[in-house]
Amino acid sequence: MIVAPTALRRIGWAAVLAVCCALLFGLALKVNALKSEVRLTERKILALKRETLYLETEFETRANQQQLAQWNAVEFGYVAPGAGQYLENERALASLGKAAGPGAPAPIRVAAVAVAPPGALPTMVSPLTGKPLGDDEDAAPSAGSVDHDKAAAKLGERLGKVEHDPVDDGDAKPAEREGRP
């Protein structure tokens, strides 16, 4: 069995091509491994930069704490609370309350709101006079006996009208403007 020279050439080129492909595949694997190492190194560098930033911030914070402690020792004199400053229970807290002495300011009071029944419309009040708006006969209806249809109609009428105060010429005295002699 004799092989023709063209067949040998083809087999040779196929072998060279197979060797080149194998070398190329090996080279691609090595390049990908090197890229992976580079990425891992970049991640480590970023982690180290973050840690450095954290440590710098921590150092600056502690330096500020030392400065604040020095200021406190010199100017403010604040001290951490001791065990004697804590109360055991509510009764101990209540026993601290004392009657106000003469000339003491009035205690601070908290405002309370009266709760209207659900669905009741509040009475409209003039912000200037504090008196209820509308006709005098139904000036202050109770919140519980409000007819919603009538209230809505009156509200529409009141909002639909624009009432102007008489023009003041500025010559009258304040007592005369109010109707007093």
C-alpha atoms as a PDB file:
ATOM      1  CA  MET A   1       0.000   0.000   0.000  1.00  0.00           C
ATOM      2  CA  ILE A   2       1.656   3.033  -1.270  1.00  0.00           C
ATOM      3  CA  VAL A   3       0.329   6.432  -0.343  1.00  0.00           C
ATOM      4  CA  ALA A   4       0.365   9.120  -2.914  1.00  0.00           C
ATOM      5  CA  PRO A   5       2.336  12.300  -2.162  1.00  0.00           C
ATOM      6  CA  THR A   6      -0.792  14.475  -2.368  1.00  0.00           C
ATOM      7  CA  ALA A   7      -2.490  12.318   0.281  1.00  0.00           C
ATOM      8  CA  LEU A   8       0.598  12.653   2.497  1.00  0.00           C
ATOM      9  CA  ARG A   9       0.468  16.376   2.052  1.00  0.00           C
ATOM     10  CA  ARG A  10      -3.197  16.445   3.019  1.00  0.00           C
ATOM     11  CA  ILE A  11      -2.560  14.303   6.081  1.00  0.00           C
ATOM     12  CA  GLY A  12       0.411  16.564   6.996  1.00  0.00           C
ATOM     13  CA  TRP A  13      -1.676  19.730   6.667  1.00  0.00           C
ATOM     14  CA  ALA A  14      -4.459  18.167   8.709  1.00  0.00           C
ATOM     15  CA  ALA A  15      -1.943  17.236  11.418  1.00  0.00           C
ATOM     16  CA  VAL A  16      -0.442  20.741  11.411  1.00  0.00           C
ATOM     17  CA  LEU A  17      -3.956  22.221  11.565  1.00  0.00           C
ATOM     18  CA  ALA A  18      -4.868  19.915  14.493  1.00  0.00           C
ATOM     19  CA  VAL A  19      -1.682  20.894  16.355  1.00  0.00           C
ATOM     20  CA  CYS A  20      -2.370  24.596  15.706  1.00  0.00           C
ATOM     21  CA  CYS A  21      -5.968  24.240  16.970  1.00  0.00           C
ATOM     22  CA  ALA A  22      -4.727  22.418  20.087  1.00  0.00           C
ATOM     23  CA  LEU A  23      -2.151  25.165  20.731  1.00  0.00           C
ATOM     24  CA  LEU A  24      -4.786  27.861  20.127  1.00  0.00           C
ATOM     25  CA  PHE A  25      -7.178  26.139  22.566  1.00  0.00           C
ATOM     26  CA  GLY A  26      -4.405  25.907  25.187  1.00  0.00           C
ATOM     27  CA  LEU A  27      -3.526  29.553  24.643  1.00  0.00           C
ATOM     28  CA  ALA A  28      -7.205  30.592  25.025  1.00  0.00           C
ATOM     29  CA  LEU A  29      -7.414  28.668  28.304  1.00  0.00           C
ATOM     30  CA  LYS A  30      -4.264  30.367  29.577  1.00  0.00           C
ATOM     31  CA  VAL A  31      -5.568  33.828  28.558  1.00  0.00           C
ATOM     32  CA  ASN A  32      -8.900  33.224  30.307  1.00  0.00           C
ATOM     33  CA  ALA A  33      -7.075  32.035  33.431  1.00  0.00           C
ATOM     34  CA  LEU A  34      -4.933  35.172  33.374  1.00  0.00           C
ATOM     35  CA  LYS A  35      -8.034  37.378  32.883  1.00  0.00           C
ATOM     36  CA  SER A  36      -9.657  35.670  35.857  1.00  0.00           C
ATOM     37  CA  GLU A  37      -6.594  36.389  37.998  1.00  0.00           C
ATOM     38  CA  VAL A  38      -6.614  40.035  36.860  1.00  0.00           C
ATOM     39  CA  ARG A  39     -10.305  40.393  37.801  1.00  0.00           C
ATOM     40  CA  LEU A  40      -9.661  38.775  41.176  1.00  0.00           C
ATOM     41  CA  THR A  41      -6.742  41.145  41.772  1.00  0.00           C
ATOM     42  CA  GLU A  42      -8.895  44.150  40.790  1.00  0.00           C
ATOM     43  CA  ARG A  43     -11.566  43.042  43.264  1.00  0.00           C
ATOM     44  CA  LYS A  44      -8.951  42.722  45.990  1.00  0.00           C
ATOM     45  CA  ILE A  45      -7.654  46.206  45.152  1.00  0.00           C
ATOM     46  CA  LEU A  46     -11.180  47.658  45.393  1.00  0.00           C
ATOM     47  CA  ALA A  47     -11.753  45.860  48.700  1.00  0.00           C
ATOM     48  CA  LEU A  48      -8.473  47.246  50.034  1.00  0.00           C
ATOM     49  CA  LYS A  49      -9.406  50.768  48.880  1.00  0.00           C
ATOM     50  CA  ARG A  50     -12.765  50.478  50.675  1.00  0.00           C
ATOM     51  CA  GLU A  51     -11.051  49.184  53.804  1.00  0.00           C
ATOM     52  CA  THR A  52      -8.532  52.034  53.621  1.00  0.00           C
ATOM     53  CA  LEU A  53     -11.354  54.564  53.298  1.00  0.00           C
ATOM     54  CA  TYR A  54     -13.160  52.946  56.242  1.00  0.00           C
ATOM     55  CA  LEU A  55     -10.015  53.042  58.379  1.00  0.00           C
ATOM     56  CA  GLU A  56      -9.329  56.676  57.446  1.00  0.00           C
ATOM     57  CA  THR A  57     -12.897  57.605  58.409  1.00  0.00           C
ATOM     58  CA  GLU A  58     -12.570  55.665  61.664  1.00  0.00           C
ATOM     59  CA  PHE A  59      -9.285  57.415  62.434  1.00  0.00           C
ATOM     60  CA  GLU A  60     -10.794  60.855  61.777  1.00  0.00           C
ATOM     61  CA  THR A  61     -13.835  59.998  63.891  1.00  0.00           C
ATOM     62  CA  ARG A  62     -11.690  58.887  66.799  1.00  0.00           C
ATOM     63  CA  ALA A  63      -9.552  61.991  66.464  1.00  0.00           C
ATOM     64  CA  ASN A  64     -12.749  64.075  66.628  1.00  0.00           C
ATOM     65  CA  GLN A  65     -13.852  62.100  69.680  1.00  0.00           C
ATOM     66  CA  GLN A  66     -10.587  62.943  71.403  1.00  0.00           C
ATOM     67  CA  GLN A  67     -11.067  66.606  70.521  1.00  0.00           C
ATOM     68  CA  LEU A  68     -14.647  66.503  71.824  1.00  0.00           C
ATOM     69  CA  ALA A  69     -13.477  64.821  75.017  1.00  0.00           C
ATOM     70  CA  GLN A  70     -10.883  67.561  75.503  1.00  0.00           C
ATOM     71  CA  TRP A  71     -13.501  70.268  74.935  1.00  0.00           C
ATOM     72  CA  ASN A  72     -15.859  68.518  77.333  1.00  0.00           C
ATOM     73  CA  ALA A  73     -13.178  68.351  80.015  1.00  0.00           C
ATOM     74  CA  VAL A  74     -12.316  72.034  79.607  1.00  0.00           C
ATOM     75  CA  GLU A  75     -15.601  73.768  78.766  1.00  0.00           C
ATOM     76  CA  PHE A  76     -18.707  71.648  79.138  1.00  0.00           C
ATOM     77  CA  GLY A  77     -18.059  69.223  81.981  1.00  0.00           C
ATOM     78  CA  TYR A  78     -20.568  66.596  80.864  1.00  0.00           C
ATOM     79  CA  VAL A  79     -20.308  63.289  82.693  1.00  0.00           C
ATOM     80  CA  ALA A  80     -21.745  59.888  81.786  1.00  0.00           C
ATOM     81  CA  PRO A  81     -24.801  58.989  83.871  1.00  0.00           C
ATOM     82  CA  GLY A  82     -24.111  57.023  87.031  1.00  0.00           C
ATOM     83  CA  ALA A  83     -26.130  54.254  88.653  1.00  0.00           C
ATOM     84  CA  GLY A  84     -27.623  56.686  91.169  1.00  0.00           C
ATOM     85  CA  GLN A  85     -29.348  58.649  88.392  1.00  0.00           C
ATOM     86  CA  TYR A  86     -31.666  55.827  87.370  1.00  0.00           C
ATOM     87  CA  LEU A  87     -35.050  55.251  89.009  1.00  0.00           C
ATOM     88  CA  GLU A  88     -36.340  51.820  89.872  1.00  0.00           C
ATOM     89  CA  ASN A  89     -39.968  52.229  88.817  1.00  0.00           C
ATOM     90  CA  GLU A  90     -42.838  54.625  88.097  1.00  0.00           C
ATOM     91  CA  ARG A  91     -43.501  55.300  91.780  1.00  0.00           C
ATOM     92  CA  ALA A  92     -39.994  56.604  92.259  1.00  0.00           C
ATOM     93  CA  LEU A  93     -40.542  58.875  89.268  1.00  0.00           C
ATOM     94  CA  ALA A  94     -43.876  60.092  90.638  1.00  0.00           C
ATOM     95  CA  SER A  95     -42.312  60.844  94.013  1.00  0.00           C
ATOM     96  CA  LEU A  96     -40.021  63.364  92.317  1.00  0.00           C
ATOM     97  CA  GLY A  97     -42.986  65.607  91.473  1.00  0.00           C
ATOM     98  CA  LYS A  98     -43.406  68.599  93.768  1.00  0.00           C
ATOM     99  CA  ALA A  99     -46.045  71.279  94.035  1.00  0.00           C
ATOM    100  CA  ALA A 100     -45.212  74.459  92.150  1.00  0.00           C
ATOM    101  CA  GLY A 101     -43.719  77.138  94.348  1.00  0.00           C
ATOM    102  CA  PRO A 102     -44.842  80.756  94.467  1.00  0.00           C
ATOM    103  CA  GLY A 103     -43.954  82.649  91.297  1.00  0.00           C
ATOM    104  CA  ALA A 104     -43.400  79.430  89.301  1.00  0.00           C
ATOM    105  CA  PRO A 105     -44.494  79.504  85.662  1.00  0.00           C
ATOM    106  CA  ALA A 106     -47.718  77.792  84.703  1.00  0.00           C
ATOM    107  CA  PRO A 107     -47.323  74.171  83.604  1.00  0.00           C
ATOM    108  CA  ILE A 108     -47.335  73.393  79.923  1.00  0.00           C
ATOM    109  CA  ARG A 109     -50.757  72.244  78.790  1.00  0.00           C
ATOM    110  CA  VAL A 110     -51.592  70.052  75.854  1.00  0.00           C
ATOM    111  CA  ALA A 111     -54.578  70.889  73.659  1.00  0.00           C
ATOM    112  CA  ALA A 112     -57.367  68.340  73.284  1.00  0.00           C
ATOM    113  CA  VAL A 113     -59.835  68.003  70.430  1.00  0.00           C
ATOM    114  CA  ALA A 114     -63.483  67.152  70.946  1.00  0.00           C
ATOM    115  CA  VAL A 115     -64.389  64.252  68.703  1.00  0.00           C
ATOM    116  CA  ALA A 116     -67.440  64.919  66.511  1.00  0.00           C
ATOM    117  CA  PRO A 117     -69.740  62.080  65.502  1.00  0.00           C
ATOM    118  CA  PRO A 118     -68.751  60.488  62.183  1.00  0.00           C
ATOM    119  CA  GLY A 119     -70.294  62.199  59.177  1.00  0.00           C
ATOM    120  CA  ALA A 120     -70.999  65.492  60.981  1.00  0.00           C
ATOM    121  CA  LEU A 121     -69.968  68.675  59.211  1.00  0.00           C
ATOM    122  CA  PRO A 122     -68.038  71.167  61.332  1.00  0.00           C
ATOM    123  CA  THR A 123     -69.445  74.641  61.826  1.00  0.00           C
ATOM    124  CA  MET A 124     -67.726  77.260  59.703  1.00  0.00           C
ATOM    125  CA  VAL A 125     -66.222  79.987  61.891  1.00  0.00           C
ATOM    126  CA  SER A 126     -64.868  83.347  60.822  1.00  0.00           C
ATOM    127  CA  PRO A 127     -61.128  83.480  61.432  1.00  0.00           C
ATOM    128  CA  LEU A 128     -61.348  87.201  62.222  1.00  0.00           C
ATOM    129  CA  THR A 129     -64.203  87.279  64.719  1.00  0.00           C
ATOM    130  CA  GLY A 130     -64.394  83.683  65.891  1.00  0.00           C
ATOM    131  CA  LYS A 131     -68.180  83.710  65.409  1.00  0.00           C
ATOM    132  CA  PRO A 132     -70.030  81.141  63.288  1.00  0.00           C
ATOM    133  CA  LEU A 133     -70.714  82.173  59.709  1.00  0.00           C
ATOM    134  CA  GLY A 134     -74.182  82.276  58.154  1.00  0.00           C
ATOM    135  CA  ASP A 135     -77.621  83.401  59.311  1.00  0.00           C
ATOM    136  CA  ASP A 136     -78.129  84.421  62.930  1.00  0.00           C
ATOM    137  CA  GLU A 137     -81.005  81.976  63.573  1.00  0.00           C
ATOM    138  CA  ASP A 138     -78.854  78.968  62.719  1.00  0.00           C
ATOM    139  CA  ALA A 139     -75.534  80.467  63.782  1.00  0.00           C
ATOM    140  CA  ALA A 140     -74.343  77.523  65.823  1.00  0.00           C
ATOM    141  CA  PRO A 141     -76.134  74.281  65.023  1.00  0.00           C
ATOM    142  CA  SER A 142     -75.024  71.287  67.034  1.00  0.00           C
ATOM    143  CA  ALA A 143     -72.670  68.950  65.257  1.00  0.00           C
ATOM    144  CA  GLY A 144     -74.932  65.952  65.782  1.00  0.00           C
ATOM    145  CA  SER A 145     -78.097  67.467  64.208  1.00  0.00           C
ATOM    146  CA  VAL A 146     -76.696  68.595  60.881  1.00  0.00           C
ATOM    147  CA  ASP A 147     -78.737  67.831  57.783  1.00  0.00           C
ATOM    148  CA  HIS A 148     -76.122  67.171  55.157  1.00  0.00           C
ATOM    149  CA  ASP A 149     -78.237  68.248  52.195  1.00  0.00           C
ATOM    150  CA  LYS A 150     -79.169  71.586  53.774  1.00  0.00           C
ATOM    151  CA  ALA A 151     -75.590  72.145  54.979  1.00  0.00           C
ATOM    152  CA  ALA A 152     -74.205  71.457  51.507  1.00  0.00           C
ATOM    153  CA  ALA A 153     -76.764  73.816  49.922  1.00  0.00           C
ATOM    154  CA  LYS A 154     -75.973  76.596  52.411  1.00  0.00           C
ATOM    155  CA  LEU A 155     -72.272  76.023  51.940  1.00  0.00           C
ATOM    156  CA  GLY A 156     -72.736  76.349  48.178  1.00  0.00           C
ATOM    157  CA  GLU A 157     -74.673  79.571  48.629  1.00  0.00           C
ATOM    158  CA  ARG A 158     -72.109  81.024  51.049  1.00  0.00           C
ATOM    159  CA  LEU A 159     -69.212  80.140  48.807  1.00  0.00           C
ATOM    160  CA  GLY A 160     -71.030  81.451  45.746  1.00  0.00           C
ATOM    161  CA  LYS A 161     -71.422  84.968  47.192  1.00  0.00           C
ATOM    162  CA  VAL A 162     -68.666  87.516  47.537  1.00  0.00           C
ATOM    163  CA  GLU A 163     -69.314  90.023  50.290  1.00  0.00           C
ATOM    164  CA  HIS A 164     -67.366  93.267  50.277  1.00  0.00           C
ATOM    165  CA  ASP A 165     -66.842  95.533  53.265  1.00  0.00           C
ATOM    166  CA  PRO A 166     -67.852  99.163  52.784  1.00  0.00           C
ATOM    167  CA  VAL A 167     -65.044 101.264  51.368  1.00  0.00           C
ATOM    168  CA  ASP A 168     -63.281 103.289  54.047  1.00  0.00           C
ATOM    169  CA  ASP A 169     -62.441 106.836  53.045  1.00  0.00           C
ATOM    170  CA  GLY A 170     -59.926 107.215  55.883  1.00  0.00           C
ATOM    171  CA  ASP A 171     -61.426 110.525  57.193  1.00  0.00           C
ATOM    172  CA  ALA A 172     -63.454 109.036  60.047  1.00  0.00           C
ATOM    173  CA  LYS A 173     -61.916 108.331  63.417  1.00  0.00           C
ATOM    174  CA  PRO A 174     -61.570 104.671  64.482  1.00  0.00           C
ATOM    175  CA  ALA A 175     -64.395 105.009  67.047  1.00  0.00           C
ATOM    176  CA  GLU A 176     -66.728 106.483  64.403  1.00  0.00           C
ATOM    177  CA  ARG A 177     -65.940 103.672  61.975  1.00  0.00           C
ATOM    178  CA  GLU A 178     -67.055 101.133  64.538  1.00  0.00           C
ATOM    179  CA  GLY A 179     -70.298 102.987  65.163  1.00  0.00           C
ATOM    180  CA  ARG A 180     -69.319 104.434  68.546  1.00  0.00           C
ATOM    181  CA  PRO A 181     -69.704 108.173  69.218  1.00  0.00           C
END
